[in-house]
Amino acid sequence: MVEPKILTLGITGGIGSGKSYVASLLSERGIPVYDTDSRAKALYDEDSTLRQELIQLFGSQLYGTADGRLDRQALAKIIFGDREALAKVNALVHPAVRRDFLHWREGLLTEDMRLCALESALLLDAGLEAYADYSIAVVASDTLRLERAMQRDGVPQEAIRSRMAHQLPQQEMIRRCDYTIYNEPPHDLEEQIDDILTEIARDYIHLHQDKSE
């Protein structure tokens, strides 16, 4: 008997690539999506282990707000311009995200789901790649990415370029991922998504047929 398994699609991309939009299109197709960005923000307050680790690192004043939640401004001041402090925070947050994701995915198995997605800009950097059966890089030209990010965030071009410079180059993402989605004209975004899902479904069926024979 073949053990039940849920396939995981890893979705990544640089700023302005549109990976979140691709994730929303997967969600519309009935595929549950784990958004690491939103969950990481929530885990500062929800994950008791992470909370205690941060307090041990920076002191109880980090949670000295009226409601006992994280003082995000205080944390921002600590890590702003301090790469060592930022690295320490990431070393605590990334494992918390991984724990949370695994718990979320286990819940999907009890609902008899067979496919889910993991959206993360840091998929290839934060140890999350190991949890994906297939990885997808969402890419677009730097010009278009700049336009999208500036319009979305309302910040100057220089700020966006600085963030882009600190992210993994798109060519490296393409090289390391199983699939690439080009999120700009003349490429048809929905057609690319459906082609990838069709190919993955075919592989999944063949895999289970081989194991059952």
C-alpha atoms as a PDB file:
ATOM      1  CA  MET A   1       0.000   0.000   0.000  1.00  0.00           C
ATOM      2  CA  VAL A   2       1.319   3.438  -0.935  1.00  0.00           C
ATOM      3  CA  GLU A   3       1.616   5.836   1.999  1.00  0.00           C
ATOM      4  CA  PRO A   4      -0.457   9.005   1.604  1.00  0.00           C
ATOM      5  CA  LYS A   5       1.639  11.982   0.593  1.00  0.00           C
ATOM      6  CA  ILE A   6       0.973  15.620  -0.137  1.00  0.00           C
ATOM      7  CA  LEU A   7       3.036  17.149  -2.920  1.00  0.00           C
ATOM      8  CA  THR A   8       4.434  20.595  -2.160  1.00  0.00           C
ATOM      9  CA  LEU A   9       5.139  23.280  -4.730  1.00  0.00           C
ATOM     10  CA  GLY A  10       7.740  25.830  -3.675  1.00  0.00           C
ATOM     11  CA  ILE A  11       7.016  29.282  -5.126  1.00  0.00           C
ATOM     12  CA  THR A  12       9.763  31.892  -5.074  1.00  0.00           C
ATOM     13  CA  GLY A  13      10.713  35.103  -6.822  1.00  0.00           C
ATOM     14  CA  GLY A  14      12.341  38.455  -6.266  1.00  0.00           C
ATOM     15  CA  ILE A  15      10.626  41.705  -5.368  1.00  0.00           C
ATOM     16  CA  GLY A  16       8.087  42.761  -7.985  1.00  0.00           C
ATOM     17  CA  SER A  17       8.144  39.400  -9.756  1.00  0.00           C
ATOM     18  CA  GLY A  18       4.523  38.690  -8.890  1.00  0.00           C
ATOM     19  CA  LYS A  19       5.066  35.464  -6.937  1.00  0.00           C
ATOM     20  CA  SER A  20       2.239  36.376  -4.557  1.00  0.00           C
ATOM     21  CA  TYR A  21      -0.099  36.837  -7.509  1.00  0.00           C
ATOM     22  CA  VAL A  22       0.924  33.441  -8.863  1.00  0.00           C
ATOM     23  CA  ALA A  23       0.246  32.000  -5.404  1.00  0.00           C
ATOM     24  CA  SER A  24      -3.225  33.586  -5.443  1.00  0.00           C
ATOM     25  CA  LEU A  25      -3.950  31.941  -8.800  1.00  0.00           C
ATOM     26  CA  LEU A  26      -2.950  28.580  -7.327  1.00  0.00           C
ATOM     27  CA  SER A  27      -5.289  29.247  -4.418  1.00  0.00           C
ATOM     28  CA  GLU A  28      -8.101  29.982  -6.870  1.00  0.00           C
ATOM     29  CA  ARG A  29      -7.458  26.533  -8.339  1.00  0.00           C
ATOM     30  CA  GLY A  30      -8.124  24.962  -4.948  1.00  0.00           C
ATOM     31  CA  ILE A  31      -4.478  24.568  -3.914  1.00  0.00           C
ATOM     32  CA  PRO A  32      -3.796  25.613  -0.288  1.00  0.00           C
ATOM     33  CA  VAL A  33      -0.918  28.106  -0.078  1.00  0.00           C
ATOM     34  CA  TYR A  34       1.320  28.736   2.926  1.00  0.00           C
ATOM     35  CA  ASP A  35       2.519  32.360   2.875  1.00  0.00           C
ATOM     36  CA  THR A  36       5.778  32.470   4.811  1.00  0.00           C
ATOM     37  CA  ASP A  37       5.854  36.274   4.964  1.00  0.00           C
ATOM     38  CA  SER A  38       2.499  36.696   6.701  1.00  0.00           C
ATOM     39  CA  ARG A  39       3.004  33.654   8.906  1.00  0.00           C
ATOM     40  CA  ALA A  40       6.481  34.796  10.011  1.00  0.00           C
ATOM     41  CA  LYS A  41       5.001  38.096  11.171  1.00  0.00           C
ATOM     42  CA  ALA A  42       2.297  36.264  13.120  1.00  0.00           C
ATOM     43  CA  LEU A  43       4.714  33.787  14.695  1.00  0.00           C
ATOM     44  CA  TYR A  44       6.537  36.526  16.614  1.00  0.00           C
ATOM     45  CA  ASP A  45       3.445  36.551  18.828  1.00  0.00           C
ATOM     46  CA  GLU A  46       2.001  33.061  18.334  1.00  0.00           C
ATOM     47  CA  ASP A  47       5.090  30.846  18.705  1.00  0.00           C
ATOM     48  CA  SER A  48       5.992  30.632  22.408  1.00  0.00           C
ATOM     49  CA  THR A  49       9.422  29.158  21.655  1.00  0.00           C
ATOM     50  CA  LEU A  50      10.322  31.991  19.306  1.00  0.00           C
ATOM     51  CA  ARG A  51       9.016  34.524  21.808  1.00  0.00           C
ATOM     52  CA  GLN A  52      11.196  33.165  24.625  1.00  0.00           C
ATOM     53  CA  GLU A  53      14.252  32.951  22.379  1.00  0.00           C
ATOM     54  CA  LEU A  54      13.884  36.590  21.353  1.00  0.00           C
ATOM     55  CA  ILE A  55      13.418  37.696  24.960  1.00  0.00           C
ATOM     56  CA  GLN A  56      16.571  35.807  25.961  1.00  0.00           C
ATOM     57  CA  LEU A  57      18.427  37.497  23.123  1.00  0.00           C
ATOM     58  CA  PHE A  58      17.219  41.092  23.467  1.00  0.00           C
ATOM     59  CA  GLY A  59      15.372  41.366  26.784  1.00  0.00           C
ATOM     60  CA  SER A  60      11.752  41.362  27.938  1.00  0.00           C
ATOM     61  CA  GLN A  61      11.244  44.963  26.796  1.00  0.00           C
ATOM     62  CA  LEU A  62      10.893  43.567  23.272  1.00  0.00           C
ATOM     63  CA  TYR A  63       7.401  42.473  24.303  1.00  0.00           C
ATOM     64  CA  GLY A  64       6.748  45.415  26.607  1.00  0.00           C
ATOM     65  CA  THR A  65       3.646  46.608  24.765  1.00  0.00           C
ATOM     66  CA  ALA A  66       0.269  47.159  26.427  1.00  0.00           C
ATOM     67  CA  ASP A  67      -1.098  43.908  24.985  1.00  0.00           C
ATOM     68  CA  GLY A  68       2.114  41.935  25.471  1.00  0.00           C
ATOM     69  CA  ARG A  69       2.718  41.544  21.768  1.00  0.00           C
ATOM     70  CA  LEU A  70       5.987  42.166  19.943  1.00  0.00           C
ATOM     71  CA  ASP A  71       7.148  45.778  19.862  1.00  0.00           C
ATOM     72  CA  ARG A  72       7.931  45.786  16.156  1.00  0.00           C
ATOM     73  CA  GLN A  73       9.445  49.264  16.212  1.00  0.00           C
ATOM     74  CA  ALA A  74      11.833  48.216  18.975  1.00  0.00           C
ATOM     75  CA  LEU A  75      12.902  45.144  16.994  1.00  0.00           C
ATOM     76  CA  ALA A  76      13.338  47.239  13.848  1.00  0.00           C
ATOM     77  CA  LYS A  77      15.673  49.595  15.722  1.00  0.00           C
ATOM     78  CA  ILE A  78      17.744  46.663  16.957  1.00  0.00           C
ATOM     79  CA  ILE A  79      18.299  45.051  13.568  1.00  0.00           C
ATOM     80  CA  PHE A  80      18.433  48.200  11.418  1.00  0.00           C
ATOM     81  CA  GLY A  81      21.953  48.413  10.011  1.00  0.00           C
ATOM     82  CA  ASP A  82      23.143  45.587  12.278  1.00  0.00           C
ATOM     83  CA  ARG A  83      23.720  42.513  10.143  1.00  0.00           C
ATOM     84  CA  GLU A  84      24.799  40.410  13.089  1.00  0.00           C
ATOM     85  CA  ALA A  85      21.587  41.129  15.002  1.00  0.00           C
ATOM     86  CA  LEU A  86      19.523  40.489  11.872  1.00  0.00           C
ATOM     87  CA  ALA A  87      21.279  37.162  11.334  1.00  0.00           C
ATOM     88  CA  LYS A  88      20.511  36.157  14.935  1.00  0.00           C
ATOM     89  CA  VAL A  89      16.821  37.001  14.492  1.00  0.00           C
ATOM     90  CA  ASN A  90      16.633  35.094  11.208  1.00  0.00           C
ATOM     91  CA  ALA A  91      18.310  32.101  12.837  1.00  0.00           C
ATOM     92  CA  LEU A  92      15.352  31.974  15.243  1.00  0.00           C
ATOM     93  CA  VAL A  93      12.530  32.929  12.870  1.00  0.00           C
ATOM     94  CA  HIS A  94      13.400  30.516  10.068  1.00  0.00           C
ATOM     95  CA  PRO A  95      13.113  27.379  12.253  1.00  0.00           C
ATOM     96  CA  ALA A  96       9.841  28.723  13.681  1.00  0.00           C
ATOM     97  CA  VAL A  97       8.463  29.095  10.155  1.00  0.00           C
ATOM     98  CA  ARG A  98       9.576  25.590   9.265  1.00  0.00           C
ATOM     99  CA  ARG A  99       7.856  24.167  12.366  1.00  0.00           C
ATOM    100  CA  ASP A 100       4.685  26.075  11.585  1.00  0.00           C
ATOM    101  CA  PHE A 101       4.681  25.003   7.948  1.00  0.00           C
ATOM    102  CA  LEU A 102       5.090  21.319   8.808  1.00  0.00           C
ATOM    103  CA  HIS A 103       2.215  21.543  11.287  1.00  0.00           C
ATOM    104  CA  TRP A 104       0.063  23.269   8.643  1.00  0.00           C
ATOM    105  CA  ARG A 105       0.909  20.639   6.030  1.00  0.00           C
ATOM    106  CA  GLU A 106       0.158  17.763   8.385  1.00  0.00           C
ATOM    107  CA  GLY A 107      -3.274  19.275   8.893  1.00  0.00           C
ATOM    108  CA  LEU A 108      -3.889  19.215   5.157  1.00  0.00           C
ATOM    109  CA  LEU A 109      -3.144  15.489   5.037  1.00  0.00           C
ATOM    110  CA  THR A 110      -5.946  14.851   7.511  1.00  0.00           C
ATOM    111  CA  GLU A 111      -8.235  16.697   5.083  1.00  0.00           C
ATOM    112  CA  ASP A 112      -7.100  14.318   2.302  1.00  0.00           C
ATOM    113  CA  MET A 113      -5.376  17.104   0.355  1.00  0.00           C
ATOM    114  CA  ARG A 114      -2.763  15.913  -2.126  1.00  0.00           C
ATOM    115  CA  LEU A 115      -1.221  19.181  -3.271  1.00  0.00           C
ATOM    116  CA  CYS A 116      -0.193  22.394  -1.542  1.00  0.00           C
ATOM    117  CA  ALA A 117       2.132  25.337  -2.153  1.00  0.00           C
ATOM    118  CA  LEU A 118       4.772  27.093  -0.096  1.00  0.00           C
ATOM    119  CA  GLU A 119       5.340  30.738  -1.070  1.00  0.00           C
ATOM    120  CA  SER A 120       8.606  32.302   0.044  1.00  0.00           C
ATOM    121  CA  ALA A 121      11.061  34.857  -1.300  1.00  0.00           C
ATOM    122  CA  LEU A 122      13.658  32.967   0.762  1.00  0.00           C
ATOM    123  CA  LEU A 123      12.712  29.478  -0.423  1.00  0.00           C
ATOM    124  CA  LEU A 124      16.261  28.844  -1.651  1.00  0.00           C
ATOM    125  CA  ASP A 125      17.964  30.614   1.263  1.00  0.00           C
ATOM    126  CA  ALA A 126      16.112  29.653   4.447  1.00  0.00           C
ATOM    127  CA  GLY A 127      16.154  25.866   4.326  1.00  0.00           C
ATOM    128  CA  LEU A 128      12.629  25.693   2.898  1.00  0.00           C
ATOM    129  CA  GLU A 129      13.654  24.227  -0.447  1.00  0.00           C
ATOM    130  CA  ALA A 130      13.994  20.825   1.226  1.00  0.00           C
ATOM    131  CA  TYR A 131      10.241  20.737   1.880  1.00  0.00           C
ATOM    132  CA  ALA A 132       9.269  21.290  -1.769  1.00  0.00           C
ATOM    133  CA  ASP A 133       8.829  18.419  -4.209  1.00  0.00           C
ATOM    134  CA  TYR A 134       8.869  20.893  -7.083  1.00  0.00           C
ATOM    135  CA  SER A 135      10.147  24.470  -7.102  1.00  0.00           C
ATOM    136  CA  ILE A 136       8.926  27.322  -9.296  1.00  0.00           C
ATOM    137  CA  ALA A 137      10.750  30.595  -9.936  1.00  0.00           C
ATOM    138  CA  VAL A 138       8.521  33.526 -10.865  1.00  0.00           C
ATOM    139  CA  VAL A 139      10.527  36.049 -12.861  1.00  0.00           C
ATOM    140  CA  ALA A 140      10.118  39.271 -14.866  1.00  0.00           C
ATOM    141  CA  SER A 141      12.355  41.945 -16.315  1.00  0.00           C
ATOM    142  CA  ASP A 142      14.054  44.281 -13.845  1.00  0.00           C
ATOM    143  CA  THR A 143      12.266  47.267 -15.417  1.00  0.00           C
ATOM    144  CA  LEU A 144       8.843  45.749 -14.863  1.00  0.00           C
ATOM    145  CA  ARG A 145       9.737  44.581 -11.368  1.00  0.00           C
ATOM    146  CA  LEU A 146      10.852  48.085 -10.457  1.00  0.00           C
ATOM    147  CA  GLU A 147       7.609  49.573 -11.744  1.00  0.00           C
ATOM    148  CA  ARG A 148       5.471  47.069  -9.855  1.00  0.00           C
ATOM    149  CA  ALA A 149       7.349  47.401  -6.566  1.00  0.00           C
ATOM    150  CA  MET A 150       7.454  51.207  -6.671  1.00  0.00           C
ATOM    151  CA  GLN A 151       3.732  51.383  -7.343  1.00  0.00           C
ATOM    152  CA  ARG A 152       2.915  48.826  -4.656  1.00  0.00           C
ATOM    153  CA  ASP A 153       5.192  50.123  -1.887  1.00  0.00           C
ATOM    154  CA  GLY A 154       5.280  53.817  -2.776  1.00  0.00           C
ATOM    155  CA  VAL A 155       9.046  54.064  -2.303  1.00  0.00           C
ATOM    156  CA  PRO A 156      11.815  55.530  -4.513  1.00  0.00           C
ATOM    157  CA  GLN A 157      13.495  53.505  -7.228  1.00  0.00           C
ATOM    158  CA  GLU A 158      16.799  53.482  -5.298  1.00  0.00           C
ATOM    159  CA  ALA A 159      15.165  51.706  -2.347  1.00  0.00           C
ATOM    160  CA  ILE A 160      13.767  48.989  -4.605  1.00  0.00           C
ATOM    161  CA  ARG A 161      17.092  48.551  -6.403  1.00  0.00           C
ATOM    162  CA  SER A 162      18.809  48.140  -3.038  1.00  0.00           C
ATOM    163  CA  ARG A 163      16.384  45.388  -2.042  1.00  0.00           C
ATOM    164  CA  MET A 164      16.825  43.690  -5.404  1.00  0.00           C
ATOM    165  CA  ALA A 165      20.603  43.756  -4.971  1.00  0.00           C
ATOM    166  CA  HIS A 166      20.304  41.858  -1.678  1.00  0.00           C
ATOM    167  CA  GLN A 167      18.134  39.113  -3.160  1.00  0.00           C
ATOM    168  CA  LEU A 168      19.203  36.006  -5.022  1.00  0.00           C
ATOM    169  CA  PRO A 169      19.720  36.831  -8.735  1.00  0.00           C
ATOM    170  CA  GLN A 170      16.897  35.673 -10.982  1.00  0.00           C
ATOM    171  CA  GLN A 171      19.222  33.581 -13.137  1.00  0.00           C
ATOM    172  CA  GLU A 172      20.287  31.690 -10.017  1.00  0.00           C
ATOM    173  CA  MET A 173      16.628  31.089  -9.129  1.00  0.00           C
ATOM    174  CA  ILE A 174      15.953  29.793 -12.634  1.00  0.00           C
ATOM    175  CA  ARG A 175      18.959  27.487 -12.445  1.00  0.00           C
ATOM    176  CA  ARG A 176      17.983  26.016  -9.104  1.00  0.00           C
ATOM    177  CA  CYS A 177      14.215  25.682  -9.608  1.00  0.00           C
ATOM    178  CA  ASP A 178      12.387  22.933 -11.502  1.00  0.00           C
ATOM    179  CA  TYR A 179      10.102  25.336 -13.366  1.00  0.00           C
ATOM    180  CA  THR A 180      10.107  28.990 -14.376  1.00  0.00           C
ATOM    181  CA  ILE A 181       7.080  31.223 -14.822  1.00  0.00           C
ATOM    182  CA  TYR A 182       7.606  34.401 -16.838  1.00  0.00           C
ATOM    183  CA  ASN A 183       5.193  36.927 -15.394  1.00  0.00           C
ATOM    184  CA  GLU A 184       5.146  39.525 -18.152  1.00  0.00           C
ATOM    185  CA  PRO A 185       3.844  39.935 -21.714  1.00  0.00           C
ATOM    186  CA  PRO A 186       3.755  38.197 -24.111  1.00  0.00           C
ATOM    187  CA  HIS A 187       3.783  35.168 -21.804  1.00  0.00           C
ATOM    188  CA  ASP A 188       0.395  33.828 -20.752  1.00  0.00           C
ATOM    189  CA  LEU A 189       0.576  33.507 -16.975  1.00  0.00           C
ATOM    190  CA  GLU A 190      -2.427  31.238 -16.453  1.00  0.00           C
ATOM    191  CA  GLU A 191      -1.405  28.949 -19.296  1.00  0.00           C
ATOM    192  CA  GLN A 192       2.056  28.502 -17.775  1.00  0.00           C
ATOM    193  CA  ILE A 193       0.549  27.650 -14.400  1.00  0.00           C
ATOM    194  CA  ASP A 194      -1.865  25.119 -15.870  1.00  0.00           C
ATOM    195  CA  ASP A 195       0.902  23.494 -17.944  1.00  0.00           C
ATOM    196  CA  ILE A 196       3.040  23.040 -14.837  1.00  0.00           C
ATOM    197  CA  LEU A 197       0.146  21.620 -12.822  1.00  0.00           C
ATOM    198  CA  THR A 198      -0.695  19.200 -15.629  1.00  0.00           C
ATOM    199  CA  GLU A 199       2.891  17.958 -15.792  1.00  0.00           C
ATOM    200  CA  ILE A 200       3.117  17.583 -12.017  1.00  0.00           C
ATOM    201  CA  ALA A 201      -0.181  15.662 -11.924  1.00  0.00           C
ATOM    202  CA  ARG A 202       1.123  13.330 -14.626  1.00  0.00           C
ATOM    203  CA  ASP A 203       4.331  12.685 -12.664  1.00  0.00           C
ATOM    204  CA  TYR A 204       2.343  12.050  -9.479  1.00  0.00           C
ATOM    205  CA  ILE A 205       0.109   9.487 -11.194  1.00  0.00           C
ATOM    206  CA  HIS A 206       3.093   7.677 -12.745  1.00  0.00           C
ATOM    207  CA  LEU A 207       4.922   7.612  -9.405  1.00  0.00           C
ATOM    208  CA  HIS A 208       1.994   5.964  -7.623  1.00  0.00           C
ATOM    209  CA  GLN A 209       1.394   3.544 -10.460  1.00  0.00           C
ATOM    210  CA  ASP A 210       5.020   2.410 -10.305  1.00  0.00           C
ATOM    211  CA  LYS A 211       4.884   1.928  -6.517  1.00  0.00           C
ATOM    212  CA  SER A 212       1.664  -0.052  -6.663  1.00  0.00           C
ATOM    213  CA  GLU A 213       2.886  -2.488  -9.305  1.00  0.00           C
END
